Amino acid sequence: MLDVTADARVARVKQLTDGWGGDVVLELVGHPGVVDEGLRMTAPEGTYLESWKAEFDPSWIIFGNRRIIGLAHYEAEHLRGALELMRRTLNRYPWARVVSHKFPLEEINEAFAQQDEGHVTRAAIAPN
């Protein structure tokens, strides 16, 4: 059975990087609970890119001489490029598994509530 715990993921990154961690680590999940895991994956003097709200022990930044970069917005051209990548690789990667839950537009508040509680990995909102 595959071990999918945070510790196992950090260990795998360390294994793939000869014990160092990633030079650049990106958090693209959008859940504050994964920030600590991402920082533990980041090599000393590495860069961690945060795309949402962060809750973490600042000693990971200070004592590892790491950098954290906040990212809140992207341009339309980047979204277009991401959608084109998904179209080109539709049969190569399990893109359907990226979205864990789908909500109708009238349940958008429930989608946010479940995301905040950690029940949703990535939600899609379907307009009526």
Protein backbone atom coordinates (compact mmCIF):
# COMPACT_ATOMS: atom_id res chain seq x y z
CA MET A 1 0.00 0.00 0.00
CA LEU A 2 1.23 3.47 -0.91
CA ASP A 3 2.08 5.72 2.04
CA VAL A 4 0.53 9.13 1.30
CA THR A 5 1.24 10.87 4.60
CA ALA A 6 2.96 14.23 4.75
CA ASP A 7 6.04 12.63 6.30
CA ALA A 8 6.21 10.07 3.49
CA ARG A 9 5.95 12.79 0.82
CA VAL A 10 8.70 14.85 2.50
CA ALA A 11 10.88 11.74 2.77
CA ARG A 12 10.37 10.99 -0.93
CA VAL A 13 11.40 14.51 -1.94
CA LYS A 14 14.47 14.24 0.28
CA GLN A 15 15.27 10.83 -1.26
CA LEU A 16 15.04 12.25 -4.80
CA THR A 17 17.29 15.21 -3.88
CA ASP A 18 20.06 13.36 -2.03
CA GLY A 19 18.68 14.50 1.33
CA TRP A 20 18.60 18.20 0.51
CA GLY A 21 15.03 19.01 -0.54
CA GLY A 22 13.84 21.05 -3.48
CA ASP A 23 15.60 24.23 -4.54
CA VAL A 24 12.18 25.63 -5.45
CA VAL A 25 8.94 24.27 -3.96
CA LEU A 26 5.50 25.52 -5.01
CA GLU A 27 2.33 25.26 -2.93
CA LEU A 28 -0.58 25.11 -5.36
CA VAL A 29 -3.16 23.30 -3.24
CA GLY A 30 -4.59 26.40 -1.59
CA HIS A 31 -4.91 24.92 1.88
CA PRO A 32 -2.90 26.31 4.81
CA GLY A 33 -2.42 22.83 6.26
CA VAL A 34 0.16 21.88 3.62
CA VAL A 35 2.52 24.82 4.15
CA ASP A 36 4.56 23.13 6.89
CA GLU A 37 4.98 20.06 4.66
CA GLY A 38 6.13 22.22 1.75
CA LEU A 39 8.65 24.07 3.89
CA ARG A 40 10.06 20.75 5.10
CA MET A 41 10.52 19.79 1.42
CA THR A 42 12.44 23.01 0.69
CA ALA A 43 16.23 22.81 0.73
CA PRO A 44 18.26 25.13 2.96
CA GLU A 45 18.61 28.42 1.05
CA GLY A 46 15.75 27.25 -1.18
CA THR A 47 12.65 29.15 -2.26
CA TYR A 48 9.08 28.32 -1.29
CA LEU A 49 6.26 29.83 -3.33
CA GLU A 50 2.96 30.20 -1.44
CA SER A 51 -0.27 30.75 -3.36
CA TRP A 52 -2.88 31.04 -0.64
CA LYS A 53 -2.89 31.63 3.12
CA ALA A 54 -0.09 30.29 5.22
CA GLU A 55 0.17 28.88 8.73
CA PHE A 56 3.68 27.71 9.56
CA ASP A 57 6.51 27.72 12.06
CA PRO A 58 8.74 30.64 10.95
CA SER A 59 11.85 28.84 12.21
CA TRP A 60 11.80 26.83 8.94
CA ILE A 61 12.44 30.10 7.11
CA ILE A 62 14.86 31.65 9.59
CA PHE A 63 17.14 28.73 10.46
CA GLY A 64 17.17 27.29 6.95
CA ASN A 65 17.93 30.66 5.36
CA ARG A 66 14.97 29.99 3.06
CA ARG A 67 12.93 32.49 1.05
CA ILE A 68 9.14 32.52 0.86
CA ILE A 69 7.40 34.24 -2.03
CA GLY A 70 3.70 35.06 -2.06
CA LEU A 71 1.67 34.68 -5.23
CA ALA A 72 -1.92 35.89 -5.38
CA HIS A 73 -2.75 36.54 -9.03
CA TYR A 74 -1.90 35.44 -12.52
CA GLU A 75 -2.55 36.89 -15.95
CA ALA A 76 -5.09 35.48 -18.41
CA GLU A 77 -2.26 34.28 -20.67
CA HIS A 78 -1.02 31.99 -17.88
CA LEU A 79 -4.46 30.44 -17.48
CA ARG A 80 -4.63 29.97 -21.26
CA GLY A 81 -1.24 28.24 -21.18
CA ALA A 82 -2.31 25.96 -18.33
CA LEU A 83 -5.49 24.97 -20.16
CA GLU A 84 -3.48 24.27 -23.32
CA LEU A 85 -1.09 22.07 -21.31
CA MET A 86 -4.05 20.13 -19.94
CA ARG A 87 -5.50 19.70 -23.44
CA ARG A 88 -2.18 18.45 -24.86
CA THR A 89 -1.59 16.00 -22.00
CA LEU A 90 -5.18 14.89 -21.41
CA ASN A 91 -4.37 11.22 -22.02
CA ARG A 92 -0.97 11.31 -20.30
CA TYR A 93 -1.89 12.62 -16.84
CA PRO A 94 -4.90 11.88 -14.58
CA TRP A 95 -6.27 15.45 -14.71
CA ALA A 96 -9.75 14.28 -13.64
CA ARG A 97 -8.29 13.35 -10.24
CA VAL A 98 -7.15 16.93 -9.58
CA VAL A 99 -10.71 17.97 -8.71
CA SER A 100 -11.91 16.06 -5.67
CA HIS A 101 -15.39 17.64 -5.37
CA LYS A 102 -17.90 19.44 -7.59
CA PHE A 103 -20.47 21.90 -6.23
CA PRO A 104 -23.31 23.75 -7.94
CA LEU A 105 -22.99 27.53 -7.78
CA GLU A 106 -25.69 27.84 -5.10
CA GLU A 107 -23.50 25.68 -2.78
CA ILE A 108 -20.37 27.81 -3.13
CA ASN A 109 -20.35 28.69 0.59
CA GLU A 110 -20.46 24.98 1.44
CA ALA A 111 -17.53 24.40 -0.94
CA PHE A 112 -15.46 27.03 0.89
CA ALA A 113 -16.47 25.63 4.29
CA GLN A 114 -15.47 22.09 3.33
CA GLN A 115 -12.18 23.37 1.86
CA ASP A 116 -11.38 25.20 5.12
CA GLU A 117 -12.16 22.06 7.13
CA GLY A 118 -9.78 20.01 4.96
CA HIS A 119 -12.45 17.80 3.38
CA VAL A 120 -11.82 19.07 -0.15
CA THR A 121 -8.55 18.89 -2.05
CA ARG A 122 -9.66 20.98 -5.01
CA ALA A 123 -13.27 21.89 -5.78
CA ALA A 124 -14.97 22.87 -9.01
CA ILE A 125 -17.94 25.21 -9.02
CA ALA A 126 -20.45 24.42 -11.77
CA PRO A 127 -22.57 27.39 -12.82
CA ASN A 128 -26.25 26.68 -13.40
